[in-house]
Amino acid sequence: DGAFVDWSGNCGNLSAAVGPFAIA
């Protein structure tokens, strides 16, 4: 509901999708 994106940390769950995306 706010007009901002928080870039201050990681998402550990989505980290699992980074490798598959990078390969594909």
PDB file of all heavy atoms in Angstrom:
ATOM      1  N   ASP A   1       0.810  -1.230   0.000  1.00  0.00           N
ATOM      2  CA  ASP A   1       0.000   0.000   0.000  1.00  0.00           C
ATOM      3  C   ASP A   1       0.834   1.266   0.000  1.00  0.00           C
ATOM      4  O   ASP A   1       0.288   2.371   0.015  1.00  0.00           O
ATOM      5  CB  ASP A   1      -0.957   0.005   1.197  1.00  0.00           C
ATOM      6  CG  ASP A   1      -0.228  -0.154   2.528  1.00  0.00           C
ATOM      7  OD1 ASP A   1       1.016  -0.225   2.531  1.00  0.00           O
ATOM      8  OD2 ASP A   1      -0.912  -0.213   3.570  1.00  0.00           O
ATOM      9  N   GLY A   2       2.158   1.138  -0.016  1.00  0.00           N
ATOM     10  CA  GLY A   2       3.046   2.294  -0.037  1.00  0.00           C
ATOM     11  C   GLY A   2       3.796   2.386  -1.355  1.00  0.00           C
ATOM     12  O   GLY A   2       3.940   1.392  -2.076  1.00  0.00           O
ATOM     13  N   ALA A   3       4.293   3.573  -1.666  1.00  0.00           N
ATOM     14  CA  ALA A   3       4.981   3.790  -2.937  1.00  0.00           C
ATOM     15  C   ALA A   3       6.491   3.637  -2.771  1.00  0.00           C
ATOM     16  O   ALA A   3       7.262   4.559  -3.035  1.00  0.00           O
ATOM     17  CB  ALA A   3       4.627   5.165  -3.496  1.00  0.00           C
ATOM     18  N   PHE A   4       6.934   2.469  -2.311  1.00  0.00           N
ATOM     19  CA  PHE A   4       8.371   2.253  -2.204  1.00  0.00           C
ATOM     20  C   PHE A   4       8.711   0.774  -2.343  1.00  0.00           C
ATOM     21  O   PHE A   4       7.884  -0.111  -2.094  1.00  0.00           O
ATOM     22  CB  PHE A   4       8.933   2.815  -0.891  1.00  0.00           C
ATOM     23  CG  PHE A   4       8.464   2.113   0.348  1.00  0.00           C
ATOM     24  CD1 PHE A   4       9.185   1.052   0.885  1.00  0.00           C
ATOM     25  CD2 PHE A   4       7.306   2.515   0.996  1.00  0.00           C
ATOM     26  CE1 PHE A   4       8.752   0.412   2.030  1.00  0.00           C
ATOM     27  CE2 PHE A   4       6.867   1.879   2.143  1.00  0.00           C
ATOM     28  CZ  PHE A   4       7.592   0.827   2.663  1.00  0.00           C
ATOM     29  N   VAL A   5       9.943   0.545  -2.767  1.00  0.00           N
ATOM     30  CA  VAL A   5      10.502  -0.797  -2.867  1.00  0.00           C
ATOM     31  C   VAL A   5      11.652  -0.876  -1.879  1.00  0.00           C
ATOM     32  O   VAL A   5      12.537  -0.012  -1.876  1.00  0.00           O
ATOM     33  CB  VAL A   5      11.002  -1.101  -4.290  1.00  0.00           C
ATOM     34  CG1 VAL A   5      11.528  -2.539  -4.373  1.00  0.00           C
ATOM     35  CG2 VAL A   5       9.904  -0.874  -5.314  1.00  0.00           C
ATOM     36  N   ASP A   6      11.652  -1.903  -1.038  1.00  0.00           N
ATOM     37  CA  ASP A   6      12.693  -2.073  -0.028  1.00  0.00           C
ATOM     38  C   ASP A   6      13.771  -2.995  -0.584  1.00  0.00           C
ATOM     39  O   ASP A   6      13.524  -4.170  -0.843  1.00  0.00           O
ATOM     40  CB  ASP A   6      12.076  -2.665   1.244  1.00  0.00           C
ATOM     41  CG  ASP A   6      13.004  -2.589   2.443  1.00  0.00           C
ATOM     42  OD1 ASP A   6      14.231  -2.554   2.232  1.00  0.00           O
ATOM     43  OD2 ASP A   6      12.508  -2.569   3.583  1.00  0.00           O
ATOM     44  N   TRP A   7      14.971  -2.438  -0.773  1.00  0.00           N
ATOM     45  CA  TRP A   7      16.100  -3.192  -1.308  1.00  0.00           C
ATOM     46  C   TRP A   7      17.105  -3.551  -0.212  1.00  0.00           C
ATOM     47  O   TRP A   7      18.246  -3.890  -0.506  1.00  0.00           O
ATOM     48  CB  TRP A   7      16.820  -2.381  -2.391  1.00  0.00           C
ATOM     49  CG  TRP A   7      15.965  -1.924  -3.524  1.00  0.00           C
ATOM     50  CD1 TRP A   7      15.379  -0.701  -3.669  1.00  0.00           C
ATOM     51  CD2 TRP A   7      15.597  -2.671  -4.695  1.00  0.00           C
ATOM     52  NE1 TRP A   7      14.669  -0.633  -4.857  1.00  0.00           N
ATOM     53  CE2 TRP A   7      14.787  -1.826  -5.502  1.00  0.00           C
ATOM     54  CE3 TRP A   7      15.880  -3.963  -5.146  1.00  0.00           C
ATOM     55  CZ2 TRP A   7      14.258  -2.240  -6.726  1.00  0.00           C
ATOM     56  CZ3 TRP A   7      15.358  -4.373  -6.363  1.00  0.00           C
ATOM     57  CH2 TRP A   7      14.550  -3.516  -7.144  1.00  0.00           C
ATOM     58  N   SER A   8      16.686  -3.504   1.056  1.00  0.00           N
ATOM     59  CA  SER A   8      17.636  -3.613   2.161  1.00  0.00           C
ATOM     60  C   SER A   8      18.018  -5.039   2.537  1.00  0.00           C
ATOM     61  O   SER A   8      18.934  -5.232   3.340  1.00  0.00           O
ATOM     62  CB  SER A   8      17.079  -2.900   3.401  1.00  0.00           C
ATOM     63  OG  SER A   8      15.947  -3.576   3.924  1.00  0.00           O
ATOM     64  N   GLY A   9      17.356  -6.037   1.981  1.00  0.00           N
ATOM     65  CA  GLY A   9      17.666  -7.410   2.390  1.00  0.00           C
ATOM     66  C   GLY A   9      17.442  -8.406   1.279  1.00  0.00           C
ATOM     67  O   GLY A   9      17.046  -8.059   0.156  1.00  0.00           O
ATOM     68  N   ASN A  10      17.702  -9.661   1.602  1.00  0.00           N
ATOM     69  CA  ASN A  10      17.547 -10.763   0.656  1.00  0.00           C
ATOM     70  C   ASN A  10      16.205 -11.460   0.881  1.00  0.00           C
ATOM     71  O   ASN A  10      15.576 -11.302   1.920  1.00  0.00           O
ATOM     72  CB  ASN A  10      18.687 -11.762   0.863  1.00  0.00           C
ATOM     73  CG  ASN A  10      18.590 -12.964  -0.056  1.00  0.00           C
ATOM     74  OD1 ASN A  10      18.131 -12.852  -1.186  1.00  0.00           O
ATOM     75  ND2 ASN A  10      19.016 -14.120   0.425  1.00  0.00           N
ATOM     76  N   CYS A  11      15.787 -12.243  -0.102  1.00  0.00           N
ATOM     77  CA  CYS A  11      14.691 -13.199   0.076  1.00  0.00           C
ATOM     78  C   CYS A  11      15.281 -14.589  -0.023  1.00  0.00           C
ATOM     79  O   CYS A  11      15.710 -15.021  -1.103  1.00  0.00           O
ATOM     80  CB  CYS A  11      13.601 -13.019  -0.977  1.00  0.00           C
ATOM     81  SG  CYS A  11      12.294 -14.274  -0.857  1.00  0.00           S
ATOM     82  N   GLY A  12      15.336 -15.293   1.107  1.00  0.00           N
ATOM     83  CA  GLY A  12      15.923 -16.625   1.115  1.00  0.00           C
ATOM     84  C   GLY A  12      15.124 -17.625   0.315  1.00  0.00           C
ATOM     85  O   GLY A  12      15.691 -18.540  -0.298  1.00  0.00           O
ATOM     86  N   ASN A  13      13.796 -17.487   0.306  1.00  0.00           N
ATOM     87  CA  ASN A  13      12.978 -18.416  -0.465  1.00  0.00           C
ATOM     88  C   ASN A  13      13.217 -18.264  -1.965  1.00  0.00           C
ATOM     89  O   ASN A  13      13.452 -19.248  -2.675  1.00  0.00           O
ATOM     90  CB  ASN A  13      11.499 -18.207  -0.123  1.00  0.00           C
ATOM     91  CG  ASN A  13      11.082 -18.956   1.122  1.00  0.00           C
ATOM     92  OD1 ASN A  13      11.175 -20.173   1.190  1.00  0.00           O
ATOM     93  ND2 ASN A  13      10.640 -18.216   2.129  1.00  0.00           N
ATOM     94  N   LEU A  14      13.170 -17.022  -2.454  1.00  0.00           N
ATOM     95  CA  LEU A  14      13.387 -16.816  -3.886  1.00  0.00           C
ATOM     96  C   LEU A  14      14.824 -17.119  -4.301  1.00  0.00           C
ATOM     97  O   LEU A  14      15.092 -17.322  -5.489  1.00  0.00           O
ATOM     98  CB  LEU A  14      13.004 -15.388  -4.290  1.00  0.00           C
ATOM     99  CG  LEU A  14      11.508 -15.073  -4.319  1.00  0.00           C
ATOM    100  CD1 LEU A  14      11.262 -13.679  -4.900  1.00  0.00           C
ATOM    101  CD2 LEU A  14      10.712 -16.116  -5.106  1.00  0.00           C
ATOM    102  N   SER A  15      15.741 -17.179  -3.332  1.00  0.00           N
ATOM    103  CA  SER A  15      17.122 -17.573  -3.651  1.00  0.00           C
ATOM    104  C   SER A  15      17.151 -18.935  -4.339  1.00  0.00           C
ATOM    105  O   SER A  15      18.024 -19.211  -5.166  1.00  0.00           O
ATOM    106  CB  SER A  15      17.970 -17.625  -2.383  1.00  0.00           C
ATOM    107  OG  SER A  15      18.058 -16.359  -1.760  1.00  0.00           O
ATOM    108  N   ALA A  16      16.163 -19.796  -4.008  1.00  0.00           N
ATOM    109  CA  ALA A  16      16.103 -21.126  -4.612  1.00  0.00           C
ATOM    110  C   ALA A  16      15.791 -21.071  -6.095  1.00  0.00           C
ATOM    111  O   ALA A  16      16.106 -22.012  -6.839  1.00  0.00           O
ATOM    112  CB  ALA A  16      15.057 -21.977  -3.894  1.00  0.00           C
ATOM    113  N   ALA A  17      15.155 -20.001  -6.552  1.00  0.00           N
ATOM    114  CA  ALA A  17      14.783 -19.881  -7.965  1.00  0.00           C
ATOM    115  C   ALA A  17      15.853 -19.187  -8.796  1.00  0.00           C
ATOM    116  O   ALA A  17      15.781 -19.196 -10.025  1.00  0.00           O
ATOM    117  CB  ALA A  17      13.461 -19.124  -8.086  1.00  0.00           C
ATOM    118  N   VAL A  18      16.843 -18.580  -8.143  1.00  0.00           N
ATOM    119  CA  VAL A  18      17.859 -17.816  -8.862  1.00  0.00           C
ATOM    120  C   VAL A  18      18.692 -18.728  -9.756  1.00  0.00           C
ATOM    121  O   VAL A  18      18.925 -18.429 -10.937  1.00  0.00           O
ATOM    122  CB  VAL A  18      18.755 -17.046  -7.870  1.00  0.00           C
ATOM    123  CG1 VAL A  18      19.959 -16.436  -8.587  1.00  0.00           C
ATOM    124  CG2 VAL A  18      17.946 -15.957  -7.172  1.00  0.00           C
ATOM    125  N   GLY A  19      19.168 -19.844  -9.206  1.00  0.00           N
ATOM    126  CA  GLY A  19      19.964 -20.766 -10.016  1.00  0.00           C
ATOM    127  C   GLY A  19      19.209 -21.302 -11.214  1.00  0.00           C
ATOM    128  O   GLY A  19      19.706 -21.248 -12.351  1.00  0.00           O
ATOM    129  N   PRO A  20      17.998 -21.848 -11.019  1.00  0.00           N
ATOM    130  CA  PRO A  20      17.228 -22.321 -12.174  1.00  0.00           C
ATOM    131  C   PRO A  20      16.982 -21.244 -13.229  1.00  0.00           C
ATOM    132  O   PRO A  20      17.084 -21.517 -14.426  1.00  0.00           O
ATOM    133  CB  PRO A  20      15.915 -22.787 -11.525  1.00  0.00           C
ATOM    134  CG  PRO A  20      16.318 -23.226 -10.161  1.00  0.00           C
ATOM    135  CD  PRO A  20      17.381 -22.248  -9.739  1.00  0.00           C
ATOM    136  N   PHE A  21      16.647 -20.019 -12.796  1.00  0.00           N
ATOM    137  CA  PHE A  21      16.429 -18.941 -13.758  1.00  0.00           C
ATOM    138  C   PHE A  21      17.718 -18.632 -14.513  1.00  0.00           C
ATOM    139  O   PHE A  21      17.709 -18.453 -15.740  1.00  0.00           O
ATOM    140  CB  PHE A  21      15.925 -17.691 -13.044  1.00  0.00           C
ATOM    141  CG  PHE A  21      15.694 -16.519 -13.958  1.00  0.00           C
ATOM    142  CD1 PHE A  21      14.448 -16.279 -14.511  1.00  0.00           C
ATOM    143  CD2 PHE A  21      16.724 -15.646 -14.272  1.00  0.00           C
ATOM    144  CE1 PHE A  21      14.230 -15.190 -15.361  1.00  0.00           C
ATOM    145  CE2 PHE A  21      16.528 -14.555 -15.113  1.00  0.00           C
ATOM    146  CZ  PHE A  21      15.276 -14.334 -15.660  1.00  0.00           C
ATOM    147  N   ALA A  22      18.827 -18.545 -13.775  1.00  0.00           N
ATOM    148  CA  ALA A  22      20.106 -18.213 -14.404  1.00  0.00           C
ATOM    149  C   ALA A  22      20.484 -19.236 -15.458  1.00  0.00           C
ATOM    150  O   ALA A  22      20.945 -18.888 -16.555  1.00  0.00           O
ATOM    151  CB  ALA A  22      21.191 -18.101 -13.338  1.00  0.00           C
ATOM    152  N   ILE A  23      20.286 -20.520 -15.157  1.00  0.00           N
ATOM    153  CA  ILE A  23      20.616 -21.576 -16.114  1.00  0.00           C
ATOM    154  C   ILE A  23      19.709 -21.492 -17.338  1.00  0.00           C
ATOM    155  O   ILE A  23      20.172 -21.518 -18.484  1.00  0.00           O
ATOM    156  CB  ILE A  23      20.504 -22.950 -15.444  1.00  0.00           C
ATOM    157  CG1 ILE A  23      21.585 -23.109 -14.367  1.00  0.00           C
ATOM    158  CG2 ILE A  23      20.612 -24.068 -16.478  1.00  0.00           C
ATOM    159  CD1 ILE A  23      21.395 -24.320 -13.479  1.00  0.00           C
ATOM    160  N   ALA A  24      18.404 -21.372 -17.105  1.00  0.00           N
ATOM    161  CA  ALA A  24      17.440 -21.360 -18.208  1.00  0.00           C
ATOM    162  C   ALA A  24      17.583 -20.138 -19.099  1.00  0.00           C
ATOM    163  O   ALA A  24      17.207 -20.186 -20.274  1.00  0.00           O
ATOM    164  CB  ALA A  24      16.022 -21.438 -17.650  1.00  0.00           C
TER     165      ALA A  24
END
